[in-house]
Protein backbone atom coordinates (compact mmCIF):
# COMPACT_ATOMS: atom_id res chain seq x y z
CA MET A 1 -13.36 40.64 28.40
CA PHE A 2 -16.25 41.70 30.22
CA THR A 3 -15.90 39.26 33.44
CA GLY A 4 -16.83 40.70 36.39
CA LYS A 5 -17.27 44.49 34.89
CA LYS A 6 -19.82 46.17 36.12
CA VAL A 7 -21.43 48.85 33.65
CA ALA A 8 -23.33 52.09 33.98
CA ILE A 9 -25.59 53.52 30.92
CA ILE A 10 -26.38 57.68 31.95
CA GLY A 11 -29.14 58.01 29.69
CA GLY A 12 -31.94 55.15 29.17
CA GLY A 13 -33.54 56.80 25.49
CA LYS A 14 -33.40 54.83 22.28
CA MET A 15 -29.21 54.15 21.71
CA GLY A 16 -28.37 53.74 25.53
CA GLY A 17 -31.10 51.17 25.62
CA ILE A 18 -30.37 49.02 22.53
CA LEU A 19 -26.60 48.95 23.90
CA ALA A 20 -27.77 47.15 27.01
CA GLN A 21 -30.27 44.77 25.16
CA GLY A 22 -27.41 44.02 22.30
CA MET A 23 -24.77 43.25 25.55
CA ILE A 24 -27.19 41.32 27.34
CA SER A 25 -28.70 39.34 24.13
CA ARG A 26 -24.81 38.38 23.16
CA LYS A 27 -23.91 37.54 26.23
CA LEU A 28 -21.58 40.12 27.20
CA LEU A 29 -23.02 41.01 30.59
CA SER A 30 -25.92 39.79 32.79
CA PRO A 31 -28.63 42.15 33.25
CA GLN A 32 -27.26 42.36 36.94
CA ASN A 33 -24.26 43.96 35.92
CA ILE A 34 -25.68 46.81 33.84
CA THR A 35 -27.21 50.08 35.62
CA VAL A 36 -29.01 52.22 33.48
CA THR A 37 -29.78 55.85 34.41
CA ASP A 38 -32.99 58.50 32.96
CA ILE A 39 -34.35 61.46 34.25
CA ASP A 40 -38.00 59.41 33.34
CA PRO A 41 -39.00 57.34 35.99
CA GLN A 42 -41.33 55.36 33.83
CA ARG A 43 -38.68 54.83 30.73
CA LEU A 44 -36.48 53.64 33.70
CA GLU A 45 -39.55 51.46 34.55
CA GLU A 46 -40.16 49.90 30.86
CA LEU A 47 -36.17 48.84 31.09
CA ARG A 48 -36.28 47.30 34.14
CA SER A 49 -39.27 45.46 33.33
CA SER A 50 -38.12 44.49 29.80
CA LEU A 51 -34.50 43.71 30.22
CA LYS A 52 -34.28 42.80 34.09
CA LEU A 53 -31.39 45.42 34.83
CA ARG A 54 -30.65 47.43 37.35
CA VAL A 55 -31.75 51.53 37.20
CA THR A 56 -31.72 54.45 38.87
CA GLY A 57 -32.34 58.00 38.80
CA ASP A 58 -28.75 58.62 40.57
CA ASN A 59 -26.06 59.14 38.05
CA ALA A 60 -23.22 59.51 40.41
CA GLU A 61 -24.70 56.45 42.06
CA ALA A 62 -24.50 54.49 38.70
CA VAL A 63 -21.00 55.84 38.05
CA LYS A 64 -19.23 55.29 41.47
CA GLY A 65 -19.91 51.32 41.16
CA ALA A 66 -19.61 50.67 37.43
CA ASP A 67 -16.07 49.83 35.65
CA ILE A 68 -17.07 51.14 32.34
CA VAL A 69 -19.86 54.08 32.05
CA VAL A 70 -21.52 54.69 28.83
CA LEU A 71 -22.44 58.54 28.21
CA ALA A 72 -25.30 58.31 26.22
CA VAL A 73 -26.95 61.74 27.14
CA LYS A 74 -27.63 64.73 24.59
CA PRO A 75 -24.65 66.96 23.65
CA GLN A 76 -26.54 69.98 25.01
CA ASN A 77 -26.80 68.24 28.51
CA PHE A 78 -22.88 67.11 28.63
CA PRO A 79 -21.56 69.70 31.01
CA GLU A 80 -24.52 69.70 33.81
CA THR A 81 -24.12 65.49 33.68
CA LEU A 82 -20.44 65.30 33.63
CA LYS A 83 -20.55 68.31 36.52
CA GLY A 84 -22.65 65.95 38.81
CA ILE A 85 -20.20 62.89 38.39
CA ARG A 86 -17.19 64.46 38.61
CA ARG A 87 -16.78 63.72 42.41
CA VAL A 88 -17.03 59.73 41.38
CA ALA A 89 -14.84 59.83 38.18
CA ASN A 90 -11.22 58.41 38.44
CA ALA A 91 -8.48 57.21 36.33
CA SER A 92 -9.87 53.61 36.97
CA LYS A 93 -13.44 53.94 34.94
CA VAL A 94 -13.25 53.69 31.27
CA PHE A 95 -15.90 56.52 29.58
CA ILE A 96 -17.54 56.12 26.39
CA SER A 97 -19.55 59.12 25.07
CA ILE A 98 -21.83 58.42 21.97
CA ALA A 99 -22.89 62.04 22.05
CA ALA A 100 -22.11 63.54 18.75
CA GLY A 101 -19.34 66.39 18.35
CA VAL A 102 -18.32 65.86 21.93
CA THR A 103 -14.32 65.65 21.46
CA THR A 104 -12.80 63.60 24.22
CA ASP A 105 -10.66 66.35 24.92
CA SER A 106 -13.90 68.52 26.13
CA ILE A 107 -14.95 65.42 28.10
CA GLU A 108 -11.65 64.95 29.69
CA LYS A 109 -11.36 68.50 30.57
CA LEU A 110 -15.07 68.38 32.40
CA LEU A 111 -14.06 65.19 34.18
CA THR A 112 -10.59 65.82 35.04
CA ARG A 113 -8.05 63.52 36.71
CA LYS A 114 -6.77 62.13 33.48
CA PRO A 115 -9.87 60.12 32.59
CA ARG A 116 -9.87 57.06 30.18
CA VAL A 117 -12.30 58.53 27.42
CA LEU A 118 -13.41 56.75 24.00
CA ARG A 119 -15.89 58.49 21.76
CA VAL A 120 -18.17 56.65 19.69
CA MET A 121 -20.12 57.64 16.41
CA PRO A 122 -22.81 55.09 16.20
CA ASN A 123 -26.17 55.56 14.14
CA VAL A 124 -29.39 54.69 14.27
CA ALA A 125 -29.22 51.52 12.28
CA ALA A 126 -28.18 50.05 15.54
CA LEU A 127 -31.52 49.93 16.79
CA ALA A 128 -32.20 47.08 13.99
CA GLY A 129 -29.25 45.14 14.66
CA GLU A 130 -27.28 46.49 11.59
CA GLY A 131 -25.57 49.65 13.00
CA ALA A 132 -22.15 50.89 11.67
CA ALA A 133 -20.01 52.26 14.25
CA ALA A 134 -16.66 54.20 15.02
CA VAL A 135 -14.42 54.37 17.95
CA ALA A 136 -11.68 56.65 18.97
CA ARG A 137 -9.59 56.81 21.95
CA GLY A 138 -8.84 60.20 23.96
CA HIS A 139 -5.43 60.96 25.17
CA PHE A 140 -5.55 58.95 28.59
CA ALA A 141 -7.33 55.77 27.02
CA ARG A 142 -5.51 52.51 26.68
CA LYS A 143 -5.52 50.31 23.57
CA ASP A 144 -7.65 47.67 24.92
CA ASP A 145 -10.33 50.19 26.75
CA ALA A 146 -10.97 50.28 22.83
CA GLN A 147 -12.25 46.71 22.89
CA TYR A 148 -14.79 47.50 25.07
CA ALA A 149 -16.70 49.83 23.11
CA LEU A 150 -15.91 47.86 20.04
CA ALA A 151 -17.54 44.89 21.38
CA MET A 152 -20.28 47.08 23.20
CA LEU A 153 -21.37 48.44 19.44
CA GLY A 154 -20.37 45.39 17.69
CA ALA A 155 -23.15 43.84 19.58
CA VAL A 156 -25.60 45.86 17.27
CA GLY A 157 -23.75 45.93 13.91
CA LEU A 158 -20.29 46.80 12.82
CA ALA A 159 -17.75 48.37 14.85
CA VAL A 160 -14.17 50.08 13.71
CA GLU A 161 -11.55 52.15 15.19
CA VAL A 162 -10.25 55.02 13.69
CA GLU A 163 -8.03 58.18 14.98
CA GLU A 164 -10.41 60.93 16.44
CA LYS A 165 -9.54 63.40 13.40
CA LEU A 166 -11.41 61.02 11.03
CA MET A 167 -14.86 61.37 13.48
CA ASP A 168 -16.40 64.02 11.68
CA ALA A 169 -16.09 62.07 8.27
CA VAL A 170 -17.53 59.37 9.68
CA THR A 171 -20.08 61.34 10.97
CA GLY A 172 -21.13 62.37 7.48
CA LEU A 173 -20.95 58.94 6.04
CA SER A 174 -22.62 56.60 8.32
CA GLY A 175 -23.30 58.66 11.16
CA SER A 176 -25.89 60.90 9.12
CA GLY A 177 -26.02 58.11 6.16
CA PRO A 178 -29.19 56.32 7.32
CA ALA A 179 -31.04 59.20 6.45
CA TYR A 180 -29.71 59.48 3.16
CA CYS A 181 -30.62 55.62 2.39
CA PHE A 182 -34.43 56.64 3.46
CA VAL A 183 -34.64 59.32 1.05
CA ILE A 184 -33.31 57.02 -1.74
CA ILE A 185 -35.83 54.44 -0.44
CA GLU A 186 -38.81 56.99 -0.12
CA ALA A 187 -37.82 58.11 -3.86
CA LEU A 188 -38.06 54.76 -4.95
CA ALA A 189 -41.20 53.25 -3.54
CA ASP A 190 -42.58 56.91 -4.92
CA ALA A 191 -41.64 55.73 -8.43
CA GLY A 192 -42.93 52.46 -8.08
CA VAL A 193 -46.46 53.99 -6.59
CA GLN A 194 -46.24 56.14 -9.83
CA LEU A 195 -46.06 53.03 -11.86
CA GLY A 196 -49.19 50.97 -10.31
CA LEU A 197 -47.58 49.81 -7.31
CA GLY A 198 -49.15 49.59 -3.62
CA ARG A 199 -47.60 52.27 -0.97
CA ASP A 200 -47.02 49.46 0.91
CA LEU A 201 -45.36 46.81 -1.24
CA ALA A 202 -43.75 49.32 -3.11
CA GLU A 203 -41.83 50.55 -0.04
CA LYS A 204 -41.06 46.80 1.18
CA LEU A 205 -39.59 46.00 -2.08
CA ALA A 206 -37.40 49.55 -1.83
CA ALA A 207 -36.43 48.47 1.41
CA GLN A 208 -35.41 45.14 0.77
CA THR A 209 -33.46 46.17 -2.35
CA MET A 210 -31.39 48.48 -0.66
CA LEU A 211 -31.15 45.67 2.15
CA GLY A 212 -30.04 43.03 -0.22
CA ALA A 213 -27.69 45.30 -2.14
CA ALA A 214 -25.79 46.24 1.03
CA ARG A 215 -25.67 42.46 2.13
CA LEU A 216 -24.07 41.34 -1.00
CA CYS A 217 -21.61 44.19 -1.08
CA LEU A 218 -20.33 43.26 2.69
CA GLN A 219 -20.46 39.19 1.56
CA GLU A 220 -18.84 39.42 -1.61
CA ASN A 221 -15.90 42.04 -0.47
CA GLN A 222 -15.57 43.24 -4.03
CA HIS A 223 -16.01 47.21 -5.05
CA PRO A 224 -19.48 48.11 -5.70
CA ALA A 225 -18.72 49.12 -9.26
CA ARG A 226 -18.12 45.29 -10.13
CA LEU A 227 -21.25 44.63 -8.36
CA LYS A 228 -23.12 47.29 -10.40
CA ASN A 229 -21.55 45.91 -13.82
CA MET A 230 -22.88 42.36 -12.81
CA VAL A 231 -26.07 43.35 -13.04
CA THR A 232 -26.00 45.67 -16.03
CA SER A 233 -26.52 44.10 -18.99
CA PRO A 234 -25.57 45.84 -22.58
CA GLY A 235 -28.52 47.78 -23.47
CA GLY A 236 -30.87 47.01 -21.02
CA THR A 237 -33.04 48.10 -18.38
CA THR A 238 -30.64 48.93 -15.67
CA ALA A 239 -28.73 50.35 -18.05
CA ALA A 240 -31.34 52.82 -19.02
CA GLY A 241 -31.94 53.42 -15.31
CA LEU A 242 -28.35 54.30 -14.45
CA ARG A 243 -28.04 56.69 -17.17
CA VAL A 244 -30.69 58.49 -15.60
CA LEU A 245 -28.83 58.89 -12.09
CA GLU A 246 -25.47 59.67 -13.99
CA GLU A 247 -27.43 62.90 -15.81
CA GLY A 248 -28.97 63.65 -12.52
CA LYS A 249 -25.11 63.92 -10.92
CA ILE A 250 -25.88 61.18 -8.04
CA ARG A 251 -22.61 60.75 -7.24
CA ALA A 252 -21.82 64.42 -6.84
CA THR A 253 -24.98 65.15 -4.79
CA LEU A 254 -24.21 61.95 -2.56
CA THR A 255 -20.54 63.36 -2.20
CA GLY A 256 -22.04 66.89 -1.29
CA ALA A 257 -24.57 65.72 1.45
CA VAL A 258 -21.76 63.99 3.03
CA GLU A 259 -19.22 66.65 3.00
CA ALA A 260 -21.81 69.18 4.21
CA ALA A 261 -22.71 66.86 7.50
CA ALA A 262 -18.95 66.35 7.90
CA LYS A 263 -18.37 70.11 7.77
CA ARG A 264 -21.71 70.50 10.20
CA ALA A 265 -20.23 68.11 12.68
CA LYS A 266 -17.05 69.78 12.81
CA GLU A 267 -19.19 73.51 13.43
CA LEU A 268 -20.81 71.55 16.28
CA ALA A 269 -17.36 70.55 18.14
CA GLY A 270 -16.12 73.67 17.98
CA SER A 271 -19.54 75.26 19.62
């Protein structure tokens, strides 16, 4: 798929760096076919030294020589960044944006000339190779263009294609989801400490428990309720714990969190 292709990553921060690392480790591309840009010379030297890829501080230069351009800059820097590369952008290139709340329509208007734009919502778990990402096509992107983004994000986790109208829901669920999980892990660990466990041990047990439950859910491909029932004996310890969670309205609380994050994503996209 990437044979003969050159990729430019505009923005060498954590997510830009992990995408480059994922493509190289999965052998989607050789380091020589990836160019990363950043405003921080020290960061560029770190990436060049660790991944052996090409680096430059000139966004337009990187885009000019690329077939696929990953836009990995912060949303507030988007207008200025796109203005700087507009003259070298054309319909032969695929643009993949990972900026939260930035619509394909807004990118198309800033780049002009009917650019092939894909919008991606990754999450921070990609840093551990266990990300969950959604890909949406813009007005001029072709069906096979999405395969580049799916392969790229698939190198660092799960990647699926959705309609862009669902991206706010994705943001609320999987985009912000790791933070919800961190709160749950922290709360479980705090409870363990209260019951006498050491802090490090409690945090490891809590994190591994969540990781194991998630893997089991994906592996068994069953409704989570079936797996919950599988480990809940009548009158047992798990049943006692679940009763407290239900009394605390954990379902309504998590649903409210996802809805609030999705609503905020929609507000940011419209601002």
